[in-house]
Amino acid sequence: MSTRVVNLRRESYDVDITRRGKWGNPFSIGKDGARDEVITAYMAWFGINRPLQADLRELEGKDLVCWCSPLPCHADILLELANRQLE
């Protein structure tokens, strides 16, 4: 089963990746830049966050929840990485 991203308002989920948890994006739209800029910032931040990278297997095959879905957000990065682990 592959990992997918769902919207917090609409569906049930397995893992909360909103700002309130360890998977959340610490960069905010507006304060830290436009949507694409904060996604890029998250990608760079995740790239140096070894403890979080070590926990990536927690996301495999799970439904991830974020407020942004279906709009682009950091969830897309986590989704790609988690699904890559399954290959």
N, C-alpha and C. Protein backbone atom coordinates (compact mmCIF):
# COMPACT_ATOMS: atom_id res chain seq x y z
N MET A 1 0.84 -1.18 0.00
CA MET A 1 0.00 0.00 0.00
C MET A 1 0.89 1.24 0.00
N SER A 2 0.62 2.17 -0.89
CA SER A 2 1.45 3.36 -0.97
C SER A 2 0.96 4.43 0.00
N THR A 3 1.85 5.34 0.30
CA THR A 3 1.55 6.48 1.16
C THR A 3 0.77 7.50 0.35
N ARG A 4 -0.17 8.20 0.98
CA ARG A 4 -0.90 9.26 0.31
C ARG A 4 -1.13 10.40 1.28
N VAL A 5 -1.48 11.56 0.74
CA VAL A 5 -1.76 12.75 1.55
C VAL A 5 -3.24 13.05 1.46
N VAL A 6 -3.86 13.34 2.61
CA VAL A 6 -5.27 13.69 2.65
C VAL A 6 -5.43 15.01 3.40
N ASN A 7 -6.59 15.63 3.24
CA ASN A 7 -6.88 16.90 3.90
C ASN A 7 -7.49 16.63 5.27
N LEU A 8 -7.00 17.33 6.27
CA LEU A 8 -7.44 17.16 7.65
C LEU A 8 -8.95 17.35 7.82
N ARG A 9 -9.51 18.24 7.02
CA ARG A 9 -10.94 18.54 7.15
C ARG A 9 -11.84 17.48 6.53
N ARG A 10 -11.28 16.60 5.69
CA ARG A 10 -12.13 15.74 4.87
C ARG A 10 -12.01 14.24 5.10
N GLU A 11 -10.88 13.76 5.57
CA GLU A 11 -10.68 12.31 5.61
C GLU A 11 -9.99 11.86 6.88
N SER A 12 -10.11 10.57 7.16
CA SER A 12 -9.37 9.99 8.29
C SER A 12 -7.92 9.80 7.85
N TYR A 13 -7.04 9.59 8.81
CA TYR A 13 -5.62 9.54 8.50
C TYR A 13 -4.87 8.71 9.53
N ASP A 14 -3.59 8.43 9.22
CA ASP A 14 -2.71 7.69 10.11
C ASP A 14 -1.68 8.57 10.80
N VAL A 15 -1.11 9.52 10.05
CA VAL A 15 -0.02 10.34 10.59
C VAL A 15 -0.30 11.82 10.35
N ASP A 16 -0.26 12.59 11.41
CA ASP A 16 -0.45 14.04 11.35
C ASP A 16 0.90 14.68 10.98
N ILE A 17 0.94 15.35 9.83
CA ILE A 17 2.18 16.02 9.43
C ILE A 17 2.00 17.53 9.43
N THR A 18 1.00 18.00 10.19
CA THR A 18 0.79 19.44 10.31
C THR A 18 1.87 20.03 11.20
N ARG A 19 1.88 21.33 11.32
CA ARG A 19 2.88 22.05 12.09
C ARG A 19 2.94 21.62 13.56
N ARG A 20 1.87 21.05 14.07
CA ARG A 20 1.85 20.70 15.50
C ARG A 20 2.66 19.46 15.84
N GLY A 21 3.18 18.75 14.84
CA GLY A 21 3.98 17.55 15.09
C GLY A 21 5.38 17.65 14.52
N LYS A 22 6.16 16.60 14.70
CA LYS A 22 7.56 16.62 14.27
C LYS A 22 7.73 16.70 12.76
N TRP A 23 6.72 16.28 11.99
CA TRP A 23 6.81 16.29 10.53
C TRP A 23 6.41 17.63 9.93
N GLY A 24 5.90 18.54 10.72
CA GLY A 24 5.39 19.82 10.22
C GLY A 24 6.46 20.72 9.62
N ASN A 25 6.03 21.58 8.72
CA ASN A 25 6.92 22.54 8.09
C ASN A 25 7.10 23.74 9.02
N PRO A 26 8.34 23.99 9.49
CA PRO A 26 8.57 25.13 10.38
C PRO A 26 8.53 26.47 9.65
N PHE A 27 8.43 26.44 8.33
CA PHE A 27 8.41 27.66 7.52
C PHE A 27 6.98 27.98 7.11
N SER A 28 6.55 29.20 7.36
CA SER A 28 5.16 29.60 7.12
C SER A 28 5.01 30.43 5.86
N ILE A 29 3.93 30.15 5.11
CA ILE A 29 3.60 30.96 3.94
C ILE A 29 3.31 32.38 4.43
N GLY A 30 3.88 33.35 3.75
CA GLY A 30 3.71 34.75 4.14
C GLY A 30 4.91 35.21 4.95
N LYS A 31 5.03 34.69 6.15
CA LYS A 31 6.13 35.09 7.03
C LYS A 31 7.50 34.70 6.46
N ASP A 32 7.59 33.50 5.92
CA ASP A 32 8.87 32.99 5.43
C ASP A 32 8.97 32.92 3.91
N GLY A 33 7.93 33.35 3.21
CA GLY A 33 7.98 33.35 1.75
C GLY A 33 6.69 32.83 1.14
N ALA A 34 6.69 32.74 -0.18
CA ALA A 34 5.55 32.21 -0.92
C ALA A 34 5.51 30.69 -0.76
N ARG A 35 4.41 30.09 -1.17
CA ARG A 35 4.22 28.64 -1.02
C ARG A 35 5.42 27.85 -1.55
N ASP A 36 5.85 28.14 -2.77
CA ASP A 36 6.97 27.39 -3.35
C ASP A 36 8.26 27.61 -2.58
N GLU A 37 8.44 28.79 -2.02
CA GLU A 37 9.66 29.08 -1.25
C GLU A 37 9.69 28.32 0.08
N VAL A 38 8.56 28.21 0.75
CA VAL A 38 8.56 27.47 2.03
C VAL A 38 8.65 25.96 1.80
N ILE A 39 8.17 25.50 0.66
CA ILE A 39 8.35 24.08 0.32
C ILE A 39 9.83 23.80 0.06
N THR A 40 10.48 24.69 -0.67
CA THR A 40 11.92 24.54 -0.93
C THR A 40 12.71 24.62 0.37
N ALA A 41 12.32 25.53 1.26
CA ALA A 41 12.99 25.66 2.56
C ALA A 41 12.83 24.38 3.37
N TYR A 42 11.65 23.79 3.33
CA TYR A 42 11.42 22.53 4.06
C TYR A 42 12.31 21.43 3.49
N MET A 43 12.42 21.36 2.18
CA MET A 43 13.25 20.35 1.55
C MET A 43 14.70 20.47 2.02
N ALA A 44 15.21 21.68 2.07
CA ALA A 44 16.58 21.91 2.54
C ALA A 44 16.71 21.55 4.02
N TRP A 45 15.74 21.96 4.82
CA TRP A 45 15.75 21.68 6.26
C TRP A 45 15.68 20.18 6.51
N PHE A 46 14.81 19.48 5.78
CA PHE A 46 14.70 18.03 5.94
C PHE A 46 16.01 17.36 5.54
N GLY A 47 16.67 17.91 4.52
CA GLY A 47 17.93 17.33 4.05
C GLY A 47 19.04 17.32 5.06
N ILE A 48 18.97 18.20 6.06
CA ILE A 48 20.01 18.23 7.10
C ILE A 48 19.48 17.73 8.45
N ASN A 49 18.23 17.31 8.50
CA ASN A 49 17.61 16.85 9.74
C ASN A 49 17.72 15.32 9.83
N ARG A 50 18.88 14.85 10.26
CA ARG A 50 19.14 13.40 10.30
C ARG A 50 18.16 12.62 11.19
N PRO A 51 17.79 13.14 12.37
CA PRO A 51 16.83 12.38 13.19
C PRO A 51 15.49 12.16 12.48
N LEU A 52 15.01 13.16 11.78
CA LEU A 52 13.74 13.03 11.07
C LEU A 52 13.89 12.07 9.89
N GLN A 53 15.01 12.14 9.20
CA GLN A 53 15.26 11.22 8.10
C GLN A 53 15.25 9.77 8.60
N ALA A 54 15.81 9.56 9.79
CA ALA A 54 15.87 8.22 10.36
C ALA A 54 14.47 7.67 10.67
N ASP A 55 13.51 8.56 10.89
CA ASP A 55 12.14 8.15 11.22
C ASP A 55 11.24 8.02 9.99
N LEU A 56 11.77 8.22 8.81
CA LEU A 56 10.97 8.24 7.59
C LEU A 56 10.14 6.97 7.39
N ARG A 57 10.63 5.85 7.83
CA ARG A 57 9.90 4.58 7.67
C ARG A 57 8.55 4.60 8.40
N GLU A 58 8.39 5.49 9.38
CA GLU A 58 7.11 5.63 10.08
C GLU A 58 5.98 6.02 9.12
N LEU A 59 6.33 6.62 7.99
CA LEU A 59 5.33 7.11 7.05
C LEU A 59 4.95 6.11 5.97
N GLU A 60 5.72 5.05 5.83
CA GLU A 60 5.49 4.08 4.76
C GLU A 60 4.10 3.46 4.84
N GLY A 61 3.37 3.55 3.73
CA GLY A 61 2.06 2.93 3.64
C GLY A 61 0.97 3.61 4.45
N LYS A 62 1.25 4.79 4.96
CA LYS A 62 0.30 5.51 5.81
C LYS A 62 -0.38 6.64 5.05
N ASP A 63 -1.53 7.05 5.55
CA ASP A 63 -2.21 8.24 5.05
C ASP A 63 -1.73 9.42 5.88
N LEU A 64 -1.09 10.38 5.22
CA LEU A 64 -0.57 11.57 5.89
C LEU A 64 -1.61 12.67 5.81
N VAL A 65 -1.74 13.45 6.86
CA VAL A 65 -2.74 14.51 6.85
C VAL A 65 -2.09 15.88 7.00
N CYS A 66 -2.56 16.81 6.18
CA CYS A 66 -2.10 18.20 6.22
C CYS A 66 -3.29 19.09 5.88
N TRP A 67 -3.24 20.34 6.30
CA TRP A 67 -4.29 21.30 5.99
C TRP A 67 -4.29 21.69 4.52
N CYS A 68 -3.14 21.64 3.88
CA CYS A 68 -2.97 22.19 2.53
C CYS A 68 -3.56 21.33 1.41
N SER A 69 -3.56 20.04 1.60
CA SER A 69 -3.98 19.13 0.53
C SER A 69 -5.34 19.52 -0.03
N PRO A 70 -5.48 19.61 -1.33
CA PRO A 70 -4.63 19.11 -2.41
C PRO A 70 -3.64 20.14 -2.98
N LEU A 71 -3.49 21.29 -2.33
CA LEU A 71 -2.50 22.27 -2.80
C LEU A 71 -1.09 21.76 -2.53
N PRO A 72 -0.10 22.23 -3.28
CA PRO A 72 1.28 21.82 -3.03
C PRO A 72 1.72 22.23 -1.62
N CYS A 73 2.46 21.35 -0.97
CA CYS A 73 3.02 21.68 0.35
C CYS A 73 4.13 20.69 0.69
N HIS A 74 4.67 20.81 1.90
CA HIS A 74 5.76 19.94 2.33
C HIS A 74 5.35 18.47 2.31
N ALA A 75 4.06 18.21 2.37
CA ALA A 75 3.56 16.83 2.33
C ALA A 75 3.99 16.13 1.05
N ASP A 76 4.10 16.86 -0.03
CA ASP A 76 4.52 16.27 -1.30
C ASP A 76 5.93 15.70 -1.20
N ILE A 77 6.79 16.37 -0.46
CA ILE A 77 8.16 15.90 -0.26
C ILE A 77 8.14 14.61 0.56
N LEU A 78 7.40 14.64 1.68
CA LEU A 78 7.31 13.45 2.53
C LEU A 78 6.67 12.29 1.79
N LEU A 79 5.67 12.57 0.99
CA LEU A 79 4.99 11.55 0.21
C LEU A 79 5.97 10.87 -0.75
N GLU A 80 6.72 11.66 -1.47
CA GLU A 80 7.69 11.11 -2.42
C GLU A 80 8.74 10.27 -1.71
N LEU A 81 9.27 10.77 -0.61
CA LEU A 81 10.30 10.04 0.12
C LEU A 81 9.76 8.75 0.72
N ALA A 82 8.57 8.80 1.29
CA ALA A 82 7.98 7.60 1.89
C ALA A 82 7.68 6.55 0.83
N ASN A 83 7.15 6.96 -0.30
CA ASN A 83 6.85 6.00 -1.36
C ASN A 83 8.12 5.45 -1.99
N ARG A 84 9.17 6.24 -2.03
CA ARG A 84 10.45 5.76 -2.55
C ARG A 84 10.99 4.64 -1.67
N GLN A 85 10.75 4.73 -0.36
CA GLN A 85 11.19 3.69 0.57
C GLN A 85 10.52 2.34 0.25
N LEU A 86 9.31 2.39 -0.29
CA LEU A 86 8.56 1.17 -0.59
C LEU A 86 9.03 0.47 -1.85
N GLU A 87 9.77 1.18 -2.70
CA GLU A 87 10.21 0.59 -3.98
C GLU A 87 11.32 -0.41 -3.78
